[in-house]
Amino acid sequence: MADATSGSVIQDLTVEHIGDEAIHLRKHSTYNVVLNNTIRETGLRRDDFGEGVYVGSAQSNWPEYTDGEPDRSDYNLVKGNHISNTGSESVDIKEGTTGGAVVGNTFDGEGMSGADSWVDVKGTDWLIAGNVGLNTPGDGFQTHHIVDDWGSHNVFTENVSDPASGDAVDFYVHDPDTTANVVRCDNTRSAGDAVTSNVTCT
């Protein structure tokens, strides 16, 4: 847990067999790097609290952690991590965060029971690029518009997604008419096919 931390590097660790989330940047933690870690077997106490990497705080927790203001855990980089067998999302990016990046990670959703995607972006102006996802529990990558002015202007590019099944899609954008998120046409499925999305790629 990194609280009010700036400029730190969390690197080359194995974080496993843990009750809740593995690595959490919180309470205005900015410009940190989560790099080349192995994360697995999270959420053993409660699966829906078992995120691999968690950035920021949910709106319901702002009164406790940030005096009711958005948790501006901004400009953090999550790169090169191998995240598997998590109870909840591989990476969960909360409302209130801005300008970070999730780049070059590998996600395996096998065993995930507390979430329905590898990555859920509720912040704004995030770059999600060059990640590879396997065994999606539902959708591959999601955005959600939880709070006004958040969950928008995020860009998804050059990611590789295992095919979503049933009614799920590789990229799901919540409330697309108001959030202006971008799914690039250079995202592909693992077999090289075009991805599925509820918005048109650009």
N, C-alpha and C. Protein backbone atom coordinates (compact mmCIF):
# COMPACT_ATOMS: atom_id res chain seq x y z
N MET A 1 0.84 -1.19 0.00
CA MET A 1 0.00 0.00 0.00
C MET A 1 0.87 1.24 0.00
N ALA A 2 0.74 2.08 -1.00
CA ALA A 2 1.48 3.33 -1.08
C ALA A 2 0.50 4.47 -0.86
N ASP A 3 0.62 5.18 0.27
CA ASP A 3 -0.22 6.32 0.60
C ASP A 3 0.58 7.60 0.49
N ALA A 4 0.06 8.58 -0.27
CA ALA A 4 0.70 9.88 -0.42
C ALA A 4 2.17 9.72 -0.81
N THR A 5 2.42 8.85 -1.77
CA THR A 5 3.77 8.52 -2.20
C THR A 5 4.02 9.08 -3.60
N SER A 6 5.19 9.64 -3.82
CA SER A 6 5.51 10.22 -5.12
C SER A 6 6.91 9.80 -5.55
N GLY A 7 7.02 9.40 -6.81
CA GLY A 7 8.33 9.10 -7.39
C GLY A 7 8.94 7.78 -6.97
N SER A 8 8.14 6.86 -6.46
CA SER A 8 8.66 5.56 -6.05
C SER A 8 8.58 4.56 -7.20
N VAL A 9 9.43 3.54 -7.14
CA VAL A 9 9.40 2.44 -8.10
C VAL A 9 9.17 1.14 -7.32
N ILE A 10 8.11 0.44 -7.67
CA ILE A 10 7.81 -0.88 -7.08
C ILE A 10 8.14 -1.89 -8.18
N GLN A 11 9.25 -2.62 -8.02
CA GLN A 11 9.83 -3.35 -9.15
C GLN A 11 10.32 -4.73 -8.75
N ASP A 12 10.12 -5.69 -9.69
CA ASP A 12 10.72 -7.03 -9.60
C ASP A 12 10.32 -7.78 -8.33
N LEU A 13 9.09 -7.58 -7.88
CA LEU A 13 8.58 -8.30 -6.72
C LEU A 13 7.66 -9.42 -7.17
N THR A 14 7.51 -10.41 -6.32
CA THR A 14 6.43 -11.39 -6.44
C THR A 14 5.47 -11.14 -5.29
N VAL A 15 4.24 -10.78 -5.63
CA VAL A 15 3.20 -10.52 -4.63
C VAL A 15 2.12 -11.57 -4.85
N GLU A 16 1.94 -12.45 -3.88
CA GLU A 16 1.04 -13.58 -4.11
C GLU A 16 0.39 -14.04 -2.81
N HIS A 17 -0.68 -14.80 -2.99
CA HIS A 17 -1.38 -15.46 -1.89
C HIS A 17 -1.75 -14.43 -0.82
N ILE A 18 -2.62 -13.49 -1.22
CA ILE A 18 -2.91 -12.34 -0.38
C ILE A 18 -4.43 -12.15 -0.28
N GLY A 19 -4.88 -11.59 0.84
CA GLY A 19 -6.31 -11.52 1.11
C GLY A 19 -7.07 -10.56 0.23
N ASP A 20 -6.48 -9.39 -0.06
CA ASP A 20 -7.17 -8.37 -0.84
C ASP A 20 -6.35 -8.02 -2.08
N GLU A 21 -6.22 -6.72 -2.40
CA GLU A 21 -5.46 -6.33 -3.57
C GLU A 21 -3.96 -6.48 -3.33
N ALA A 22 -3.21 -6.62 -4.42
CA ALA A 22 -1.76 -6.87 -4.29
C ALA A 22 -0.98 -5.57 -4.11
N ILE A 23 -1.11 -4.63 -5.05
CA ILE A 23 -0.39 -3.36 -5.01
C ILE A 23 -1.40 -2.24 -5.17
N HIS A 24 -1.38 -1.28 -4.22
CA HIS A 24 -2.38 -0.21 -4.22
C HIS A 24 -1.67 1.13 -4.06
N LEU A 25 -1.90 2.03 -5.02
CA LEU A 25 -1.42 3.41 -4.97
C LEU A 25 -2.61 4.29 -4.59
N ARG A 26 -2.49 5.03 -3.47
CA ARG A 26 -3.68 5.67 -2.88
C ARG A 26 -3.32 7.01 -2.24
N LYS A 27 -4.34 7.82 -1.95
CA LYS A 27 -4.20 9.08 -1.20
C LYS A 27 -3.21 10.03 -1.89
N HIS A 28 -3.54 10.37 -3.14
CA HIS A 28 -2.75 11.31 -3.92
C HIS A 28 -1.32 10.82 -4.16
N SER A 29 -1.16 9.54 -4.44
CA SER A 29 0.15 9.00 -4.82
C SER A 29 0.37 9.25 -6.31
N THR A 30 1.45 9.95 -6.66
CA THR A 30 1.66 10.41 -8.02
C THR A 30 3.05 10.04 -8.54
N TYR A 31 3.13 9.92 -9.87
CA TYR A 31 4.40 9.70 -10.56
C TYR A 31 5.16 8.48 -10.02
N ASN A 32 4.43 7.44 -9.69
CA ASN A 32 5.06 6.19 -9.27
C ASN A 32 5.07 5.20 -10.43
N VAL A 33 5.94 4.19 -10.33
CA VAL A 33 6.06 3.16 -11.36
C VAL A 33 5.89 1.79 -10.70
N VAL A 34 5.00 0.99 -11.25
CA VAL A 34 4.83 -0.41 -10.85
C VAL A 34 5.35 -1.24 -12.01
N LEU A 35 6.55 -1.84 -11.83
CA LEU A 35 7.32 -2.32 -12.98
C LEU A 35 7.77 -3.77 -12.80
N ASN A 36 7.45 -4.60 -13.79
CA ASN A 36 8.02 -5.95 -13.92
C ASN A 36 7.78 -6.82 -12.68
N ASN A 37 6.60 -6.71 -12.08
CA ASN A 37 6.26 -7.56 -10.94
C ASN A 37 5.45 -8.77 -11.39
N THR A 38 5.49 -9.82 -10.58
CA THR A 38 4.62 -10.97 -10.75
C THR A 38 3.57 -10.93 -9.65
N ILE A 39 2.32 -10.90 -10.07
CA ILE A 39 1.20 -10.77 -9.13
C ILE A 39 0.24 -11.91 -9.39
N ARG A 40 -0.13 -12.64 -8.31
CA ARG A 40 -1.04 -13.77 -8.50
C ARG A 40 -1.67 -14.15 -7.16
N GLU A 41 -2.78 -14.87 -7.27
CA GLU A 41 -3.48 -15.41 -6.11
C GLU A 41 -3.85 -14.29 -5.13
N THR A 42 -4.67 -13.37 -5.59
CA THR A 42 -5.17 -12.28 -4.75
C THR A 42 -6.64 -12.51 -4.42
N GLY A 43 -7.16 -11.70 -3.49
CA GLY A 43 -8.58 -11.78 -3.16
C GLY A 43 -8.97 -13.03 -2.41
N LEU A 44 -8.05 -13.62 -1.65
CA LEU A 44 -8.36 -14.86 -0.97
C LEU A 44 -9.32 -14.65 0.21
N ARG A 45 -9.35 -13.44 0.74
CA ARG A 45 -10.31 -13.11 1.79
C ARG A 45 -11.68 -12.79 1.19
N ARG A 46 -11.67 -11.99 0.13
CA ARG A 46 -12.91 -11.62 -0.58
C ARG A 46 -12.54 -11.32 -2.01
N ASP A 47 -13.10 -12.09 -2.95
CA ASP A 47 -12.61 -12.03 -4.33
C ASP A 47 -12.78 -10.66 -4.97
N ASP A 48 -13.86 -9.93 -4.66
CA ASP A 48 -14.08 -8.67 -5.33
C ASP A 48 -13.21 -7.54 -4.78
N PHE A 49 -12.39 -7.82 -3.77
CA PHE A 49 -11.37 -6.88 -3.32
C PHE A 49 -9.97 -7.32 -3.75
N GLY A 50 -9.89 -8.26 -4.68
CA GLY A 50 -8.62 -8.88 -5.03
C GLY A 50 -7.99 -8.36 -6.30
N GLU A 51 -7.93 -7.05 -6.49
CA GLU A 51 -7.30 -6.50 -7.68
C GLU A 51 -5.79 -6.77 -7.69
N GLY A 52 -5.22 -6.87 -8.88
CA GLY A 52 -3.78 -6.99 -8.99
C GLY A 52 -3.09 -5.68 -8.68
N VAL A 53 -3.40 -4.65 -9.45
CA VAL A 53 -2.91 -3.29 -9.21
C VAL A 53 -4.12 -2.38 -9.14
N TYR A 54 -4.17 -1.57 -8.09
CA TYR A 54 -5.32 -0.71 -7.81
C TYR A 54 -4.80 0.72 -7.68
N VAL A 55 -5.33 1.63 -8.49
CA VAL A 55 -4.84 3.01 -8.50
C VAL A 55 -5.97 3.94 -8.08
N GLY A 56 -5.74 4.68 -6.98
CA GLY A 56 -6.72 5.63 -6.49
C GLY A 56 -7.65 5.03 -5.46
N SER A 57 -8.79 5.68 -5.28
CA SER A 57 -9.80 5.24 -4.33
C SER A 57 -11.18 5.43 -4.95
N ALA A 58 -12.10 4.55 -4.59
CA ALA A 58 -13.48 4.71 -5.03
C ALA A 58 -14.08 5.96 -4.41
N GLN A 59 -15.03 6.56 -5.11
CA GLN A 59 -15.68 7.78 -4.62
C GLN A 59 -16.21 7.61 -3.19
N SER A 60 -16.71 6.43 -2.88
CA SER A 60 -17.27 6.19 -1.54
C SER A 60 -16.22 6.28 -0.45
N ASN A 61 -14.94 6.16 -0.81
CA ASN A 61 -13.86 6.23 0.17
C ASN A 61 -13.17 7.59 0.23
N TRP A 62 -13.55 8.53 -0.64
CA TRP A 62 -12.92 9.84 -0.62
C TRP A 62 -13.08 10.56 0.73
N PRO A 63 -14.23 10.50 1.40
CA PRO A 63 -14.32 11.18 2.71
C PRO A 63 -13.29 10.67 3.71
N GLU A 64 -12.98 9.37 3.67
CA GLU A 64 -12.04 8.81 4.62
C GLU A 64 -10.59 9.10 4.26
N TYR A 65 -10.26 9.02 2.97
CA TYR A 65 -8.86 9.07 2.58
C TYR A 65 -8.39 10.43 2.09
N THR A 66 -9.29 11.22 1.47
CA THR A 66 -8.85 12.47 0.83
C THR A 66 -9.78 13.63 1.16
N ASP A 67 -10.33 13.65 2.36
CA ASP A 67 -11.18 14.75 2.84
C ASP A 67 -12.33 15.05 1.90
N GLY A 68 -12.84 14.02 1.26
CA GLY A 68 -13.99 14.17 0.38
C GLY A 68 -13.67 14.63 -1.02
N GLU A 69 -12.42 14.93 -1.29
CA GLU A 69 -11.99 15.35 -2.62
C GLU A 69 -11.59 14.13 -3.45
N PRO A 70 -11.58 14.25 -4.78
CA PRO A 70 -11.10 13.14 -5.60
C PRO A 70 -9.69 12.72 -5.20
N ASP A 71 -9.45 11.43 -5.20
CA ASP A 71 -8.11 10.90 -4.92
C ASP A 71 -7.28 11.05 -6.17
N ARG A 72 -6.48 12.13 -6.20
CA ARG A 72 -5.71 12.46 -7.39
C ARG A 72 -4.39 11.69 -7.40
N SER A 73 -4.52 10.39 -7.54
CA SER A 73 -3.34 9.53 -7.70
C SER A 73 -3.01 9.51 -9.20
N ASP A 74 -2.32 10.56 -9.65
CA ASP A 74 -2.15 10.86 -11.07
C ASP A 74 -0.77 10.46 -11.59
N TYR A 75 -0.71 10.26 -12.91
CA TYR A 75 0.54 10.08 -13.65
C TYR A 75 1.36 8.88 -13.14
N ASN A 76 0.66 7.83 -12.79
CA ASN A 76 1.34 6.59 -12.40
C ASN A 76 1.46 5.66 -13.61
N LEU A 77 2.52 4.86 -13.62
CA LEU A 77 2.80 3.95 -14.73
C LEU A 77 2.78 2.51 -14.21
N VAL A 78 1.99 1.66 -14.86
CA VAL A 78 1.93 0.23 -14.56
C VAL A 78 2.46 -0.48 -15.81
N LYS A 79 3.67 -1.06 -15.71
CA LYS A 79 4.35 -1.55 -16.92
C LYS A 79 5.03 -2.89 -16.69
N GLY A 80 4.87 -3.78 -17.67
CA GLY A 80 5.64 -5.02 -17.73
C GLY A 80 5.34 -6.03 -16.65
N ASN A 81 4.17 -5.95 -16.04
CA ASN A 81 3.82 -6.88 -14.97
C ASN A 81 3.11 -8.11 -15.53
N HIS A 82 3.26 -9.23 -14.82
CA HIS A 82 2.55 -10.46 -15.15
C HIS A 82 1.53 -10.70 -14.03
N ILE A 83 0.26 -10.59 -14.39
CA ILE A 83 -0.80 -10.60 -13.38
C ILE A 83 -1.77 -11.74 -13.71
N SER A 84 -1.96 -12.66 -12.75
CA SER A 84 -2.78 -13.83 -13.01
C SER A 84 -3.51 -14.27 -11.75
N ASN A 85 -4.59 -15.01 -11.97
CA ASN A 85 -5.33 -15.63 -10.87
C ASN A 85 -5.69 -14.61 -9.78
N THR A 86 -6.17 -13.46 -10.21
CA THR A 86 -6.63 -12.44 -9.28
C THR A 86 -8.13 -12.61 -9.06
N GLY A 87 -8.58 -12.30 -7.84
CA GLY A 87 -10.00 -12.39 -7.57
C GLY A 87 -10.80 -11.37 -8.35
N SER A 88 -10.24 -10.15 -8.47
CA SER A 88 -10.90 -9.06 -9.18
C SER A 88 -10.01 -8.62 -10.35
N GLU A 89 -10.21 -7.41 -10.85
CA GLU A 89 -9.51 -6.98 -12.06
C GLU A 89 -7.99 -7.08 -11.93
N SER A 90 -7.33 -7.35 -13.03
CA SER A 90 -5.87 -7.28 -13.06
C SER A 90 -5.40 -5.87 -12.72
N VAL A 91 -6.03 -4.87 -13.31
CA VAL A 91 -5.74 -3.47 -13.01
C VAL A 91 -7.07 -2.73 -12.89
N ASP A 92 -7.25 -2.02 -11.77
CA ASP A 92 -8.45 -1.23 -11.54
C ASP A 92 -8.03 0.23 -11.34
N ILE A 93 -8.50 1.09 -12.23
CA ILE A 93 -8.13 2.51 -12.21
C ILE A 93 -9.36 3.31 -11.80
N LYS A 94 -9.29 3.95 -10.65
CA LYS A 94 -10.47 4.54 -10.06
C LYS A 94 -10.75 5.95 -10.58
N GLU A 95 -12.01 6.34 -10.45
CA GLU A 95 -12.43 7.71 -10.70
C GLU A 95 -11.59 8.67 -9.83
N GLY A 96 -11.26 9.82 -10.39
CA GLY A 96 -10.42 10.77 -9.68
C GLY A 96 -8.97 10.77 -10.11
N THR A 97 -8.55 9.76 -10.87
CA THR A 97 -7.16 9.67 -11.31
C THR A 97 -7.03 10.13 -12.76
N THR A 98 -5.86 10.69 -13.08
CA THR A 98 -5.65 11.29 -14.40
C THR A 98 -4.25 10.97 -14.92
N GLY A 99 -4.16 10.75 -16.23
CA GLY A 99 -2.89 10.85 -16.92
C GLY A 99 -1.90 9.73 -16.72
N GLY A 100 -2.34 8.57 -16.27
CA GLY A 100 -1.43 7.45 -16.10
C GLY A 100 -1.37 6.57 -17.33
N ALA A 101 -0.63 5.46 -17.21
CA ALA A 101 -0.49 4.54 -18.33
C ALA A 101 -0.38 3.10 -17.82
N VAL A 102 -0.98 2.19 -18.57
CA VAL A 102 -0.89 0.74 -18.33
C VAL A 102 -0.32 0.16 -19.61
N VAL A 103 0.95 -0.26 -19.57
CA VAL A 103 1.69 -0.55 -20.80
C VAL A 103 2.43 -1.88 -20.69
N GLY A 104 2.27 -2.73 -21.69
CA GLY A 104 3.11 -3.91 -21.83
C GLY A 104 2.97 -4.95 -20.75
N ASN A 105 1.79 -5.05 -20.18
CA ASN A 105 1.53 -6.06 -19.15
C ASN A 105 0.89 -7.31 -19.76
N THR A 106 0.96 -8.41 -19.02
CA THR A 106 0.26 -9.64 -19.39
C THR A 106 -0.75 -9.98 -18.32
N PHE A 107 -2.00 -10.20 -18.75
CA PHE A 107 -3.09 -10.52 -17.82
C PHE A 107 -3.64 -11.90 -18.14
N ASP A 108 -3.90 -12.68 -17.11
CA ASP A 108 -4.56 -13.97 -17.26
C ASP A 108 -5.75 -13.99 -16.32
N GLY A 109 -6.94 -14.01 -16.88
CA GLY A 109 -8.17 -13.93 -16.09
C GLY A 109 -8.69 -15.25 -15.58
N GLU A 110 -7.95 -16.33 -15.77
CA GLU A 110 -8.42 -17.62 -15.28
C GLU A 110 -8.59 -17.57 -13.77
N GLY A 111 -9.73 -18.01 -13.29
CA GLY A 111 -10.01 -18.02 -11.87
C GLY A 111 -10.60 -16.73 -11.33
N MET A 112 -10.71 -15.70 -12.14
CA MET A 112 -11.26 -14.43 -11.68
C MET A 112 -12.77 -14.57 -11.47
N SER A 113 -13.23 -14.32 -10.24
CA SER A 113 -14.65 -14.49 -9.94
C SER A 113 -15.30 -13.22 -9.39
N GLY A 114 -14.48 -12.19 -9.04
CA GLY A 114 -15.02 -10.98 -8.46
C GLY A 114 -15.08 -9.81 -9.42
N ALA A 115 -14.83 -10.03 -10.71
CA ALA A 115 -14.85 -8.97 -11.71
C ALA A 115 -15.11 -9.60 -13.07
N ASP A 116 -15.35 -8.75 -14.08
CA ASP A 116 -15.68 -9.28 -15.41
C ASP A 116 -14.79 -8.70 -16.50
N SER A 117 -13.61 -8.20 -16.13
CA SER A 117 -12.65 -7.72 -17.14
C SER A 117 -11.26 -7.69 -16.54
N TRP A 118 -10.25 -7.67 -17.41
CA TRP A 118 -8.87 -7.53 -16.91
C TRP A 118 -8.62 -6.12 -16.40
N VAL A 119 -9.06 -5.13 -17.17
CA VAL A 119 -8.77 -3.73 -16.86
C VAL A 119 -10.07 -2.95 -16.86
N ASP A 120 -10.28 -2.15 -15.80
CA ASP A 120 -11.45 -1.27 -15.71
C ASP A 120 -10.94 0.14 -15.44
N VAL A 121 -11.19 1.04 -16.38
CA VAL A 121 -10.70 2.41 -16.28
C VAL A 121 -11.87 3.34 -15.95
N LYS A 122 -11.82 3.93 -14.78
CA LYS A 122 -12.82 4.92 -14.36
C LYS A 122 -12.21 6.31 -14.26
N GLY A 123 -10.88 6.39 -14.44
CA GLY A 123 -10.19 7.67 -14.47
C GLY A 123 -10.23 8.28 -15.85
N THR A 124 -9.45 9.34 -16.03
CA THR A 124 -9.48 10.14 -17.26
C THR A 124 -8.07 10.32 -17.82
N ASP A 125 -8.01 10.34 -19.16
CA ASP A 125 -6.74 10.58 -19.87
C ASP A 125 -5.69 9.51 -19.58
N TRP A 126 -6.11 8.27 -19.48
CA TRP A 126 -5.18 7.15 -19.32
C TRP A 126 -4.85 6.55 -20.69
N LEU A 127 -3.63 6.03 -20.79
CA LEU A 127 -3.19 5.28 -21.97
C LEU A 127 -3.11 3.81 -21.59
N ILE A 128 -3.79 2.96 -22.34
CA ILE A 128 -3.77 1.51 -22.14
C ILE A 128 -3.20 0.91 -23.42
N ALA A 129 -1.93 0.50 -23.40
CA ALA A 129 -1.23 0.19 -24.65
C ALA A 129 -0.36 -1.05 -24.54
N GLY A 130 -0.40 -1.88 -25.59
CA GLY A 130 0.55 -2.97 -25.72
C GLY A 130 0.42 -4.07 -24.69
N ASN A 131 -0.76 -4.22 -24.11
CA ASN A 131 -0.99 -5.29 -23.14
C ASN A 131 -1.52 -6.54 -23.83
N VAL A 132 -1.31 -7.69 -23.19
CA VAL A 132 -1.82 -8.96 -23.71
C VAL A 132 -2.70 -9.58 -22.65
N GLY A 133 -3.93 -9.91 -23.02
CA GLY A 133 -4.86 -10.53 -22.09
C GLY A 133 -5.29 -11.91 -22.54
N LEU A 134 -5.33 -12.84 -21.59
CA LEU A 134 -5.74 -14.22 -21.85
C LEU A 134 -6.88 -14.59 -20.90
N ASN A 135 -7.72 -15.51 -21.35
CA ASN A 135 -8.76 -16.09 -20.50
C ASN A 135 -9.65 -15.02 -19.87
N THR A 136 -10.22 -14.19 -20.72
CA THR A 136 -11.08 -13.15 -20.20
C THR A 136 -12.29 -13.74 -19.47
N PRO A 137 -12.64 -13.18 -18.29
CA PRO A 137 -13.83 -13.65 -17.59
C PRO A 137 -15.12 -13.08 -18.17
N GLY A 138 -15.00 -12.09 -19.03
CA GLY A 138 -16.17 -11.43 -19.64
C GLY A 138 -15.64 -10.53 -20.74
N ASP A 139 -15.82 -9.21 -20.58
CA ASP A 139 -15.17 -8.27 -21.47
C ASP A 139 -13.66 -8.29 -21.21
N GLY A 140 -12.90 -7.80 -22.18
CA GLY A 140 -11.47 -7.70 -21.97
C GLY A 140 -11.09 -6.43 -21.21
N PHE A 141 -11.35 -5.29 -21.84
CA PHE A 141 -11.02 -3.98 -21.27
C PHE A 141 -12.31 -3.17 -21.17
N GLN A 142 -12.46 -2.42 -20.08
CA GLN A 142 -13.68 -1.64 -19.87
C GLN A 142 -13.34 -0.22 -19.42
N THR A 143 -14.26 0.70 -19.73
CA THR A 143 -14.29 1.99 -19.04
C THR A 143 -15.64 2.10 -18.35
N HIS A 144 -15.68 2.88 -17.26
CA HIS A 144 -16.95 3.17 -16.59
C HIS A 144 -17.00 4.63 -16.20
N HIS A 145 -18.17 5.21 -16.41
CA HIS A 145 -18.42 6.63 -16.11
C HIS A 145 -19.16 6.67 -14.78
N ILE A 146 -18.40 6.67 -13.67
CA ILE A 146 -18.97 6.60 -12.33
C ILE A 146 -19.32 7.97 -11.80
N VAL A 147 -18.45 8.95 -12.05
CA VAL A 147 -18.59 10.32 -11.56
C VAL A 147 -18.45 11.26 -12.74
N ASP A 148 -19.24 12.34 -12.76
CA ASP A 148 -19.12 13.33 -13.84
C ASP A 148 -17.68 13.78 -13.99
N ASP A 149 -17.26 13.91 -15.25
CA ASP A 149 -15.92 14.35 -15.63
C ASP A 149 -14.86 13.27 -15.46
N TRP A 150 -15.25 12.07 -15.09
CA TRP A 150 -14.28 10.97 -14.95
C TRP A 150 -14.72 9.79 -15.82
N GLY A 151 -13.76 8.97 -16.20
CA GLY A 151 -14.04 7.84 -17.08
C GLY A 151 -14.07 8.24 -18.54
N SER A 152 -13.31 9.28 -18.90
CA SER A 152 -13.36 9.80 -20.26
C SER A 152 -11.96 10.04 -20.83
N HIS A 153 -11.92 10.16 -22.16
CA HIS A 153 -10.70 10.51 -22.89
C HIS A 153 -9.53 9.55 -22.60
N ASN A 154 -9.88 8.29 -22.45
CA ASN A 154 -8.87 7.24 -22.33
C ASN A 154 -8.62 6.62 -23.70
N VAL A 155 -7.39 6.15 -23.94
CA VAL A 155 -7.01 5.62 -25.25
C VAL A 155 -6.51 4.19 -25.08
N PHE A 156 -7.07 3.29 -25.90
CA PHE A 156 -6.68 1.88 -25.93
C PHE A 156 -6.03 1.60 -27.27
N THR A 157 -4.76 1.19 -27.25
CA THR A 157 -4.05 1.00 -28.52
C THR A 157 -3.08 -0.17 -28.43
N GLU A 158 -2.98 -0.94 -29.50
CA GLU A 158 -2.01 -2.03 -29.68
C GLU A 158 -2.10 -3.09 -28.59
N ASN A 159 -3.28 -3.28 -28.04
CA ASN A 159 -3.49 -4.37 -27.09
C ASN A 159 -3.90 -5.64 -27.83
N VAL A 160 -3.62 -6.79 -27.22
CA VAL A 160 -4.00 -8.08 -27.78
C VAL A 160 -4.95 -8.74 -26.79
N SER A 161 -6.12 -9.12 -27.27
CA SER A 161 -7.16 -9.64 -26.41
C SER A 161 -7.53 -11.06 -26.80
N ASP A 162 -7.61 -11.94 -25.81
CA ASP A 162 -8.21 -13.25 -26.04
C ASP A 162 -9.67 -13.02 -26.41
N PRO A 163 -10.24 -13.77 -27.31
CA PRO A 163 -11.61 -13.49 -27.72
C PRO A 163 -12.59 -13.51 -26.55
N ALA A 164 -13.38 -12.45 -26.46
CA ALA A 164 -14.49 -12.46 -25.51
C ALA A 164 -15.55 -13.44 -26.00
N SER A 165 -16.34 -13.97 -25.08
CA SER A 165 -17.34 -14.98 -25.44
C SER A 165 -18.74 -14.49 -25.11
N GLY A 166 -19.73 -15.12 -25.74
CA GLY A 166 -21.11 -14.76 -25.47
C GLY A 166 -21.40 -13.33 -25.86
N ASP A 167 -22.06 -12.59 -24.95
CA ASP A 167 -22.39 -11.19 -25.22
C ASP A 167 -21.27 -10.24 -24.85
N ALA A 168 -20.17 -10.75 -24.32
CA ALA A 168 -19.05 -9.90 -23.92
C ALA A 168 -18.31 -9.40 -25.16
N VAL A 169 -17.57 -8.30 -24.97
CA VAL A 169 -16.77 -7.73 -26.05
C VAL A 169 -15.34 -7.52 -25.55
N ASP A 170 -14.42 -7.40 -26.48
CA ASP A 170 -13.03 -7.16 -26.10
C ASP A 170 -12.85 -5.79 -25.46
N PHE A 171 -13.59 -4.79 -25.96
CA PHE A 171 -13.52 -3.43 -25.43
C PHE A 171 -14.95 -2.92 -25.20
N TYR A 172 -15.22 -2.57 -23.95
CA TYR A 172 -16.54 -2.04 -23.59
C TYR A 172 -16.38 -0.64 -23.03
N VAL A 173 -17.05 0.34 -23.66
CA VAL A 173 -17.01 1.73 -23.22
C VAL A 173 -18.38 2.07 -22.65
N HIS A 174 -18.41 2.39 -21.36
CA HIS A 174 -19.66 2.75 -20.70
C HIS A 174 -20.07 4.16 -21.09
N ASP A 175 -21.35 4.33 -21.42
CA ASP A 175 -21.90 5.64 -21.75
C ASP A 175 -21.08 6.34 -22.83
N PRO A 176 -20.92 5.71 -23.99
CA PRO A 176 -19.98 6.23 -25.00
C PRO A 176 -20.33 7.60 -25.55
N ASP A 177 -21.59 8.04 -25.45
CA ASP A 177 -21.97 9.34 -26.00
C ASP A 177 -21.37 10.50 -25.21
N THR A 178 -20.96 10.26 -23.98
CA THR A 178 -20.48 11.36 -23.14
C THR A 178 -19.03 11.23 -22.71
N THR A 179 -18.38 10.10 -22.97
CA THR A 179 -17.07 9.88 -22.38
C THR A 179 -15.90 10.04 -23.35
N ALA A 180 -16.13 10.01 -24.64
CA ALA A 180 -15.08 10.28 -25.63
C ALA A 180 -13.84 9.42 -25.44
N ASN A 181 -14.03 8.16 -25.08
CA ASN A 181 -12.90 7.23 -25.03
C ASN A 181 -12.59 6.73 -26.44
N VAL A 182 -11.34 6.33 -26.67
CA VAL A 182 -10.89 5.95 -28.00
C VAL A 182 -10.37 4.52 -27.99
N VAL A 183 -10.94 3.69 -28.86
CA VAL A 183 -10.43 2.34 -29.10
C VAL A 183 -9.82 2.34 -30.49
N ARG A 184 -8.50 2.21 -30.57
CA ARG A 184 -7.83 2.25 -31.85
C ARG A 184 -8.06 0.96 -32.63
N CYS A 185 -8.00 1.07 -33.94
CA CYS A 185 -8.17 -0.11 -34.80
C CYS A 185 -6.95 -1.02 -34.79
N ASP A 186 -5.85 -0.61 -34.15
CA ASP A 186 -4.66 -1.46 -34.08
C ASP A 186 -4.71 -2.47 -32.93
N ASN A 187 -5.78 -2.47 -32.13
CA ASN A 187 -5.98 -3.55 -31.17
C ASN A 187 -6.39 -4.81 -31.92
N THR A 188 -5.90 -5.98 -31.50
CA THR A 188 -6.22 -7.22 -32.20
C THR A 188 -6.56 -8.31 -31.19
N ARG A 189 -7.14 -9.36 -31.70
CA ARG A 189 -7.31 -10.58 -30.92
C ARG A 189 -6.03 -11.43 -31.04
N SER A 190 -5.94 -12.42 -30.17
CA SER A 190 -4.71 -13.21 -30.10
C SER A 190 -4.43 -13.95 -31.41
N ALA A 191 -5.46 -14.25 -32.18
CA ALA A 191 -5.26 -14.92 -33.47
C ALA A 191 -5.06 -13.93 -34.61
N GLY A 192 -5.00 -12.65 -34.28
CA GLY A 192 -4.79 -11.62 -35.30
C GLY A 192 -6.07 -11.05 -35.87
N ASP A 193 -7.23 -11.53 -35.41
CA ASP A 193 -8.51 -11.04 -35.90
C ASP A 193 -8.83 -9.67 -35.29
N ALA A 194 -9.80 -9.02 -35.88
CA ALA A 194 -10.27 -7.74 -35.34
C ALA A 194 -10.97 -7.96 -34.01
N VAL A 195 -10.83 -7.01 -33.11
CA VAL A 195 -11.49 -7.10 -31.82
C VAL A 195 -12.97 -6.72 -31.95
N THR A 196 -13.72 -7.06 -30.93
CA THR A 196 -15.10 -6.63 -30.84
C THR A 196 -15.19 -5.50 -29.82
N SER A 197 -16.11 -4.57 -30.08
CA SER A 197 -16.26 -3.41 -29.20
C SER A 197 -17.66 -2.84 -29.36
N ASN A 198 -18.15 -2.14 -28.33
CA ASN A 198 -19.44 -1.49 -28.46
C ASN A 198 -19.30 -0.09 -29.03
N VAL A 199 -18.07 0.32 -29.39
CA VAL A 199 -17.84 1.58 -30.10
C VAL A 199 -17.00 1.28 -31.34
N THR A 200 -17.09 2.15 -32.32
CA THR A 200 -16.33 1.97 -33.55
C THR A 200 -14.88 2.37 -33.32
N CYS A 201 -13.96 1.54 -33.80
CA CYS A 201 -12.54 1.86 -33.63
C CYS A 201 -12.15 3.01 -34.55
N THR A 202 -11.04 3.66 -34.21
CA THR A 202 -10.56 4.79 -35.01
C THR A 202 -9.10 4.58 -35.39
